[in-house]
Amino acid sequence: MGCPYAVRGFDYDYVGILWLNDLVWDGGKWRVNPFAVEERGVMSLVMAARDAAKIKKMDGAATVELLERVKQAYRILFTRALKGVYLWIPDPITRAYLSDSLHQEVKRIGASPASAPTSQQKLIQSEKSDHLAELNTLLTVFETGVAGVMG
């Protein structure tokens, strides 16, 4: 497919996302690994965050800004799917956190993961959902680290 910059403004029936180790859930919060970010559009920011990481300053302005940019990149990728998203997440902690979050969201909005939502249910899910409104989906997680998110 492509990076967030290549897909911005386009919608696809299904999206496959390789959620690599550039963004991981660690210690109860999101952490960015500047050495795993290769996006040319933010390379000066990446280089500044890498310099900060070398001196163990992971809360510097460059790192904080890079974290926000990487989170936004994943947000863009998630919102490109019309029917479903397939995720591959190698980090087990990040995978577990996202799986738990999605299951809680499905439970919170009153959907059943086994049911196929109607258009009306999707609209209700979208209206009720806070942080995952764009997904508008149900989640099935496989032990291999692949999650299928289908709407």
N, C-alpha and C. Protein backbone atom coordinates (compact mmCIF):
# COMPACT_ATOMS: atom_id res chain seq x y z
N MET A 1 0.83 -1.17 0.00
CA MET A 1 0.00 0.00 0.00
C MET A 1 0.88 1.24 0.00
N GLY A 2 1.26 1.71 1.13
CA GLY A 2 2.07 2.91 1.18
C GLY A 2 2.06 3.53 2.55
N CYS A 3 2.80 4.60 2.66
CA CYS A 3 2.87 5.32 3.92
C CYS A 3 1.64 6.23 4.06
N PRO A 4 1.45 6.82 5.22
CA PRO A 4 0.28 7.69 5.43
C PRO A 4 0.21 8.83 4.42
N TYR A 5 1.35 9.33 4.00
CA TYR A 5 1.35 10.44 3.04
C TYR A 5 0.85 9.99 1.67
N ALA A 6 1.12 8.73 1.31
CA ALA A 6 0.70 8.21 0.01
C ALA A 6 -0.79 7.87 -0.02
N VAL A 7 -1.38 7.54 1.12
CA VAL A 7 -2.77 7.10 1.15
C VAL A 7 -3.73 8.19 1.61
N ARG A 8 -3.22 9.32 2.08
CA ARG A 8 -4.08 10.38 2.57
C ARG A 8 -5.03 10.83 1.46
N GLY A 9 -6.31 10.85 1.78
CA GLY A 9 -7.31 11.28 0.81
C GLY A 9 -7.90 10.14 0.00
N PHE A 10 -7.37 8.93 0.14
CA PHE A 10 -7.89 7.77 -0.57
C PHE A 10 -8.54 6.81 0.41
N ASP A 11 -9.58 6.13 -0.01
CA ASP A 11 -10.23 5.11 0.81
C ASP A 11 -10.11 3.78 0.09
N TYR A 12 -9.98 2.71 0.85
CA TYR A 12 -9.83 1.36 0.32
C TYR A 12 -10.83 0.46 1.02
N ASP A 13 -11.27 -0.60 0.34
CA ASP A 13 -12.16 -1.55 1.00
C ASP A 13 -11.48 -2.15 2.22
N TYR A 14 -10.27 -2.63 2.03
CA TYR A 14 -9.51 -3.24 3.12
C TYR A 14 -8.12 -2.64 3.16
N VAL A 15 -7.58 -2.55 4.37
CA VAL A 15 -6.23 -2.02 4.56
C VAL A 15 -5.45 -3.04 5.38
N GLY A 16 -4.23 -3.30 4.97
CA GLY A 16 -3.30 -4.13 5.75
C GLY A 16 -2.26 -3.22 6.38
N ILE A 17 -2.10 -3.33 7.67
CA ILE A 17 -1.15 -2.47 8.39
C ILE A 17 -0.10 -3.34 9.07
N LEU A 18 1.15 -3.05 8.77
CA LEU A 18 2.27 -3.66 9.49
C LEU A 18 2.65 -2.68 10.58
N TRP A 19 2.22 -2.97 11.79
CA TRP A 19 2.48 -2.09 12.94
C TRP A 19 3.83 -2.51 13.50
N LEU A 20 4.86 -1.84 13.08
CA LEU A 20 6.21 -2.24 13.45
C LEU A 20 6.60 -1.67 14.81
N ASN A 21 7.86 -1.73 15.11
CA ASN A 21 8.31 -1.32 16.44
C ASN A 21 8.63 0.16 16.53
N ASP A 22 8.12 0.96 15.61
CA ASP A 22 8.30 2.41 15.71
C ASP A 22 7.41 3.00 16.79
N LEU A 23 6.30 2.33 17.08
CA LEU A 23 5.36 2.79 18.10
C LEU A 23 4.93 1.59 18.93
N VAL A 24 5.27 1.61 20.21
CA VAL A 24 4.94 0.48 21.08
C VAL A 24 4.30 0.98 22.37
N TRP A 25 3.49 0.12 22.95
CA TRP A 25 2.89 0.39 24.26
C TRP A 25 3.86 -0.15 25.30
N ASP A 26 4.35 0.73 26.17
CA ASP A 26 5.38 0.34 27.12
C ASP A 26 5.21 1.14 28.40
N GLY A 27 5.10 0.44 29.50
CA GLY A 27 5.00 1.12 30.79
C GLY A 27 3.74 1.96 30.92
N GLY A 28 2.66 1.55 30.29
CA GLY A 28 1.39 2.25 30.41
C GLY A 28 1.25 3.47 29.52
N LYS A 29 2.14 3.62 28.53
CA LYS A 29 2.00 4.74 27.60
C LYS A 29 2.67 4.39 26.26
N TRP A 30 2.35 5.19 25.26
CA TRP A 30 2.95 5.01 23.94
C TRP A 30 4.37 5.54 23.95
N ARG A 31 5.25 4.78 23.31
CA ARG A 31 6.65 5.19 23.16
C ARG A 31 7.03 5.07 21.69
N VAL A 32 7.79 6.04 21.22
CA VAL A 32 8.28 6.01 19.85
C VAL A 32 9.74 5.60 19.88
N ASN A 33 10.13 4.78 18.91
CA ASN A 33 11.52 4.39 18.75
C ASN A 33 12.04 5.15 17.53
N PRO A 34 12.77 6.24 17.73
CA PRO A 34 13.21 7.04 16.59
C PRO A 34 14.13 6.29 15.64
N PHE A 35 14.77 5.22 16.11
CA PHE A 35 15.66 4.44 15.25
C PHE A 35 14.88 3.50 14.33
N ALA A 36 13.59 3.36 14.56
CA ALA A 36 12.74 2.52 13.71
C ALA A 36 11.87 3.35 12.77
N VAL A 37 11.96 4.66 12.84
CA VAL A 37 11.17 5.54 11.98
C VAL A 37 12.02 5.93 10.77
N GLU A 38 11.51 5.65 9.58
CA GLU A 38 12.25 5.94 8.34
C GLU A 38 11.45 6.84 7.40
N GLU A 39 10.45 7.51 7.91
CA GLU A 39 9.59 8.36 7.07
C GLU A 39 10.37 9.60 6.63
N ARG A 40 10.56 9.74 5.33
CA ARG A 40 11.34 10.87 4.81
C ARG A 40 10.69 12.22 5.09
N GLY A 41 9.37 12.24 5.20
CA GLY A 41 8.67 13.50 5.41
C GLY A 41 8.96 14.16 6.74
N VAL A 42 9.49 13.41 7.69
CA VAL A 42 9.80 13.95 9.02
C VAL A 42 11.24 13.64 9.42
N MET A 43 12.12 13.47 8.45
CA MET A 43 13.48 13.00 8.74
C MET A 43 14.27 13.96 9.63
N SER A 44 14.10 15.27 9.49
CA SER A 44 14.84 16.17 10.38
C SER A 44 14.38 15.98 11.83
N LEU A 45 13.09 15.76 12.02
CA LEU A 45 12.56 15.49 13.35
C LEU A 45 13.08 14.15 13.87
N VAL A 46 13.12 13.15 13.00
CA VAL A 46 13.63 11.83 13.37
C VAL A 46 15.09 11.94 13.82
N MET A 47 15.89 12.69 13.07
CA MET A 47 17.31 12.82 13.40
C MET A 47 17.48 13.52 14.76
N ALA A 48 16.67 14.54 15.03
CA ALA A 48 16.75 15.23 16.32
C ALA A 48 16.33 14.28 17.45
N ALA A 49 15.31 13.47 17.23
CA ALA A 49 14.87 12.51 18.26
C ALA A 49 15.91 11.43 18.46
N ARG A 50 16.58 11.01 17.38
CA ARG A 50 17.66 10.02 17.52
C ARG A 50 18.81 10.59 18.34
N ASP A 51 19.17 11.84 18.07
CA ASP A 51 20.23 12.48 18.85
C ASP A 51 19.85 12.53 20.33
N ALA A 52 18.60 12.86 20.61
CA ALA A 52 18.13 12.92 22.00
C ALA A 52 18.17 11.53 22.64
N ALA A 53 17.80 10.50 21.87
CA ALA A 53 17.80 9.14 22.40
C ALA A 53 19.20 8.67 22.74
N LYS A 54 20.17 9.12 21.98
CA LYS A 54 21.56 8.72 22.24
C LYS A 54 22.05 9.21 23.60
N ILE A 55 21.49 10.32 24.06
CA ILE A 55 21.86 10.82 25.39
C ILE A 55 20.77 10.52 26.42
N LYS A 56 19.91 9.56 26.06
CA LYS A 56 18.86 9.07 26.97
C LYS A 56 17.83 10.13 27.34
N LYS A 57 17.60 11.09 26.46
CA LYS A 57 16.59 12.12 26.71
C LYS A 57 15.35 11.79 25.87
N MET A 58 14.53 10.87 26.39
CA MET A 58 13.38 10.38 25.64
C MET A 58 12.13 11.25 25.82
N ASP A 59 12.24 12.32 26.60
CA ASP A 59 11.09 13.20 26.78
C ASP A 59 11.35 14.59 26.20
N GLY A 60 12.36 14.70 25.34
CA GLY A 60 12.67 15.98 24.72
C GLY A 60 11.62 16.38 23.70
N ALA A 61 11.67 17.63 23.29
CA ALA A 61 10.67 18.18 22.37
C ALA A 61 10.60 17.41 21.05
N ALA A 62 11.75 17.03 20.50
CA ALA A 62 11.76 16.31 19.22
C ALA A 62 11.11 14.94 19.36
N THR A 63 11.40 14.25 20.44
CA THR A 63 10.83 12.92 20.66
C THR A 63 9.32 13.00 20.88
N VAL A 64 8.90 13.98 21.65
CA VAL A 64 7.46 14.17 21.91
C VAL A 64 6.73 14.48 20.60
N GLU A 65 7.30 15.35 19.80
CA GLU A 65 6.68 15.69 18.51
C GLU A 65 6.68 14.49 17.56
N LEU A 66 7.76 13.73 17.54
CA LEU A 66 7.82 12.53 16.69
C LEU A 66 6.77 11.52 17.12
N LEU A 67 6.59 11.35 18.42
CA LEU A 67 5.56 10.45 18.93
C LEU A 67 4.19 10.86 18.39
N GLU A 68 3.88 12.12 18.45
CA GLU A 68 2.58 12.59 17.95
C GLU A 68 2.45 12.36 16.44
N ARG A 69 3.51 12.58 15.70
CA ARG A 69 3.48 12.37 14.25
C ARG A 69 3.28 10.90 13.90
N VAL A 70 3.95 10.02 14.62
CA VAL A 70 3.82 8.58 14.35
C VAL A 70 2.42 8.10 14.71
N LYS A 71 1.89 8.56 15.84
CA LYS A 71 0.51 8.20 16.21
C LYS A 71 -0.47 8.69 15.14
N GLN A 72 -0.26 9.89 14.64
CA GLN A 72 -1.12 10.43 13.58
C GLN A 72 -1.01 9.59 12.31
N ALA A 73 0.18 9.12 12.00
CA ALA A 73 0.38 8.29 10.81
C ALA A 73 -0.46 7.01 10.91
N TYR A 74 -0.43 6.35 12.06
CA TYR A 74 -1.25 5.14 12.24
C TYR A 74 -2.74 5.49 12.20
N ARG A 75 -3.11 6.61 12.79
CA ARG A 75 -4.51 7.05 12.75
C ARG A 75 -4.98 7.21 11.31
N ILE A 76 -4.15 7.81 10.48
CA ILE A 76 -4.49 8.00 9.06
C ILE A 76 -4.67 6.64 8.38
N LEU A 77 -3.74 5.71 8.63
CA LEU A 77 -3.85 4.40 8.01
C LEU A 77 -5.13 3.68 8.42
N PHE A 78 -5.48 3.77 9.71
CA PHE A 78 -6.70 3.11 10.19
C PHE A 78 -7.95 3.70 9.54
N THR A 79 -7.95 4.96 9.24
CA THR A 79 -9.16 5.58 8.72
C THR A 79 -9.32 5.43 7.22
N ARG A 80 -8.41 4.77 6.55
CA ARG A 80 -8.51 4.58 5.09
C ARG A 80 -9.39 3.40 4.73
N ALA A 81 -9.71 2.53 5.65
CA ALA A 81 -10.46 1.31 5.36
C ALA A 81 -11.97 1.56 5.41
N LEU A 82 -12.67 1.07 4.40
CA LEU A 82 -14.12 1.15 4.38
C LEU A 82 -14.77 -0.09 5.00
N LYS A 83 -14.17 -1.26 4.75
CA LYS A 83 -14.77 -2.51 5.20
C LYS A 83 -13.98 -3.22 6.30
N GLY A 84 -12.68 -3.04 6.34
CA GLY A 84 -11.92 -3.75 7.36
C GLY A 84 -10.45 -3.43 7.34
N VAL A 85 -9.80 -3.79 8.44
CA VAL A 85 -8.37 -3.57 8.62
C VAL A 85 -7.75 -4.87 9.09
N TYR A 86 -6.62 -5.21 8.49
CA TYR A 86 -5.84 -6.35 8.96
C TYR A 86 -4.56 -5.81 9.56
N LEU A 87 -4.27 -6.24 10.79
CA LEU A 87 -3.09 -5.76 11.50
C LEU A 87 -2.09 -6.89 11.71
N TRP A 88 -0.83 -6.56 11.58
CA TRP A 88 0.24 -7.46 12.00
C TRP A 88 1.06 -6.67 13.00
N ILE A 89 1.10 -7.16 14.24
CA ILE A 89 1.77 -6.45 15.33
C ILE A 89 2.75 -7.42 15.99
N PRO A 90 4.04 -7.27 15.74
CA PRO A 90 5.00 -8.22 16.30
C PRO A 90 5.22 -8.07 17.80
N ASP A 91 5.09 -6.87 18.34
CA ASP A 91 5.33 -6.65 19.76
C ASP A 91 4.15 -7.19 20.57
N PRO A 92 4.37 -8.20 21.42
CA PRO A 92 3.25 -8.82 22.13
C PRO A 92 2.54 -7.88 23.11
N ILE A 93 3.26 -6.94 23.71
CA ILE A 93 2.63 -6.02 24.66
C ILE A 93 1.73 -5.04 23.92
N THR A 94 2.21 -4.51 22.81
CA THR A 94 1.40 -3.59 22.00
C THR A 94 0.17 -4.31 21.45
N ARG A 95 0.38 -5.53 20.95
CA ARG A 95 -0.73 -6.33 20.41
C ARG A 95 -1.79 -6.58 21.48
N ALA A 96 -1.35 -6.95 22.69
CA ALA A 96 -2.30 -7.22 23.78
C ALA A 96 -3.04 -5.95 24.17
N TYR A 97 -2.35 -4.82 24.24
CA TYR A 97 -2.99 -3.57 24.61
C TYR A 97 -4.05 -3.18 23.58
N LEU A 98 -3.70 -3.25 22.30
CA LEU A 98 -4.67 -2.89 21.26
C LEU A 98 -5.85 -3.85 21.24
N SER A 99 -5.57 -5.13 21.40
CA SER A 99 -6.65 -6.12 21.44
C SER A 99 -7.60 -5.84 22.59
N ASP A 100 -7.06 -5.61 23.78
CA ASP A 100 -7.89 -5.31 24.95
C ASP A 100 -8.69 -4.02 24.74
N SER A 101 -8.04 -3.00 24.20
CA SER A 101 -8.71 -1.72 23.96
C SER A 101 -9.86 -1.87 22.99
N LEU A 102 -9.63 -2.61 21.91
CA LEU A 102 -10.69 -2.79 20.91
C LEU A 102 -11.84 -3.61 21.47
N HIS A 103 -11.51 -4.67 22.23
CA HIS A 103 -12.58 -5.46 22.83
C HIS A 103 -13.39 -4.62 23.83
N GLN A 104 -12.73 -3.79 24.61
CA GLN A 104 -13.44 -2.92 25.55
C GLN A 104 -14.33 -1.94 24.79
N GLU A 105 -13.84 -1.42 23.69
CA GLU A 105 -14.63 -0.47 22.89
C GLU A 105 -15.86 -1.15 22.31
N VAL A 106 -15.69 -2.35 21.78
CA VAL A 106 -16.83 -3.08 21.24
C VAL A 106 -17.84 -3.35 22.34
N LYS A 107 -17.37 -3.74 23.51
CA LYS A 107 -18.26 -3.98 24.65
C LYS A 107 -18.96 -2.69 25.09
N ARG A 108 -18.20 -1.59 25.13
CA ARG A 108 -18.75 -0.31 25.57
C ARG A 108 -19.87 0.18 24.67
N ILE A 109 -19.72 -0.04 23.38
CA ILE A 109 -20.75 0.46 22.46
C ILE A 109 -21.88 -0.54 22.28
N GLY A 110 -21.78 -1.69 22.97
CA GLY A 110 -22.89 -2.63 22.98
C GLY A 110 -22.96 -3.56 21.79
N ALA A 111 -21.86 -3.74 21.10
CA ALA A 111 -21.86 -4.66 19.96
C ALA A 111 -21.32 -6.01 20.40
N SER A 112 -21.66 -7.01 19.66
CA SER A 112 -21.15 -8.35 19.92
C SER A 112 -20.14 -8.68 18.83
N PRO A 113 -18.92 -9.12 19.20
CA PRO A 113 -17.91 -9.42 18.19
C PRO A 113 -18.35 -10.48 17.19
N ALA A 114 -19.30 -11.32 17.57
CA ALA A 114 -19.75 -12.37 16.66
C ALA A 114 -20.83 -11.88 15.69
N SER A 115 -21.41 -10.73 15.96
CA SER A 115 -22.51 -10.27 15.13
C SER A 115 -22.01 -9.41 13.97
N ALA A 116 -22.74 -9.41 12.90
CA ALA A 116 -22.44 -8.54 11.76
C ALA A 116 -23.29 -7.28 11.93
N PRO A 117 -22.66 -6.14 12.12
CA PRO A 117 -23.44 -4.92 12.39
C PRO A 117 -24.20 -4.44 11.16
N THR A 118 -25.37 -3.93 11.40
CA THR A 118 -26.14 -3.32 10.34
C THR A 118 -25.63 -1.90 10.11
N SER A 119 -26.08 -1.26 9.05
CA SER A 119 -25.68 0.12 8.81
C SER A 119 -26.07 1.01 9.97
N GLN A 120 -27.26 0.77 10.54
CA GLN A 120 -27.71 1.57 11.68
C GLN A 120 -26.81 1.34 12.89
N GLN A 121 -26.43 0.08 13.15
CA GLN A 121 -25.54 -0.20 14.26
C GLN A 121 -24.19 0.47 14.05
N LYS A 122 -23.69 0.47 12.82
CA LYS A 122 -22.42 1.12 12.54
C LYS A 122 -22.51 2.62 12.83
N LEU A 123 -23.62 3.22 12.46
CA LEU A 123 -23.81 4.64 12.72
C LEU A 123 -23.83 4.90 14.22
N ILE A 124 -24.54 4.06 14.96
CA ILE A 124 -24.61 4.20 16.41
C ILE A 124 -23.23 4.01 17.02
N GLN A 125 -22.48 2.99 16.54
CA GLN A 125 -21.13 2.77 17.04
C GLN A 125 -20.28 4.00 16.81
N SER A 126 -20.40 4.56 15.63
CA SER A 126 -19.59 5.73 15.29
C SER A 126 -19.94 6.92 16.18
N GLU A 127 -21.23 7.09 16.44
CA GLU A 127 -21.66 8.22 17.27
C GLU A 127 -21.24 8.04 18.72
N LYS A 128 -21.23 6.81 19.22
CA LYS A 128 -20.91 6.55 20.62
C LYS A 128 -19.41 6.50 20.88
N SER A 129 -18.63 6.12 19.89
CA SER A 129 -17.22 5.84 20.09
C SER A 129 -16.39 7.10 20.23
N ASP A 130 -15.44 7.09 21.17
CA ASP A 130 -14.54 8.23 21.37
C ASP A 130 -13.27 8.04 20.55
N HIS A 131 -12.31 7.33 21.12
CA HIS A 131 -10.97 7.21 20.56
C HIS A 131 -10.87 6.25 19.38
N LEU A 132 -11.86 5.43 19.11
CA LEU A 132 -11.79 4.50 17.98
C LEU A 132 -12.95 4.68 17.01
N ALA A 133 -13.53 5.85 16.96
CA ALA A 133 -14.69 6.07 16.10
C ALA A 133 -14.40 5.76 14.64
N GLU A 134 -13.18 6.02 14.21
CA GLU A 134 -12.84 5.81 12.82
C GLU A 134 -12.88 4.33 12.44
N LEU A 135 -12.60 3.47 13.37
CA LEU A 135 -12.57 2.05 13.05
C LEU A 135 -13.94 1.51 12.70
N ASN A 136 -14.94 1.87 13.51
CA ASN A 136 -16.31 1.47 13.21
C ASN A 136 -16.38 -0.04 12.98
N THR A 137 -15.72 -0.80 13.83
CA THR A 137 -15.46 -2.19 13.50
C THR A 137 -15.62 -3.14 14.67
N LEU A 138 -15.48 -4.40 14.33
CA LEU A 138 -15.43 -5.47 15.32
C LEU A 138 -14.08 -6.16 15.20
N LEU A 139 -13.61 -6.75 16.29
CA LEU A 139 -12.25 -7.27 16.31
C LEU A 139 -12.21 -8.77 16.55
N THR A 140 -11.36 -9.42 15.79
CA THR A 140 -11.00 -10.80 16.06
C THR A 140 -9.48 -10.87 16.06
N VAL A 141 -8.91 -11.37 17.13
CA VAL A 141 -7.46 -11.43 17.23
C VAL A 141 -7.00 -12.88 17.12
N PHE A 142 -5.99 -13.09 16.33
CA PHE A 142 -5.42 -14.42 16.15
C PHE A 142 -4.12 -14.50 16.94
N GLU A 143 -3.80 -15.67 17.41
CA GLU A 143 -2.61 -15.86 18.25
C GLU A 143 -1.30 -15.55 17.52
N THR A 144 -1.33 -15.50 16.21
CA THR A 144 -0.11 -15.26 15.44
C THR A 144 0.33 -13.82 15.46
N GLY A 145 -0.45 -12.96 16.07
CA GLY A 145 -0.12 -11.54 16.08
C GLY A 145 -0.84 -10.79 15.00
N VAL A 146 -1.76 -11.45 14.32
CA VAL A 146 -2.53 -10.80 13.27
C VAL A 146 -3.92 -10.52 13.81
N ALA A 147 -4.40 -9.33 13.62
CA ALA A 147 -5.76 -9.01 14.03
C ALA A 147 -6.55 -8.65 12.80
N GLY A 148 -7.71 -9.19 12.68
CA GLY A 148 -8.60 -8.81 11.59
C GLY A 148 -9.69 -7.92 12.16
N VAL A 149 -9.76 -6.72 11.67
CA VAL A 149 -10.77 -5.79 12.14
C VAL A 149 -11.73 -5.57 10.98
N MET A 150 -12.93 -6.05 11.13
CA MET A 150 -13.88 -6.02 10.03
C MET A 150 -15.07 -5.17 10.37
N GLY A 151 -15.52 -4.39 9.43
CA GLY A 151 -16.68 -3.54 9.65
C GLY A 151 -17.84 -3.97 8.81
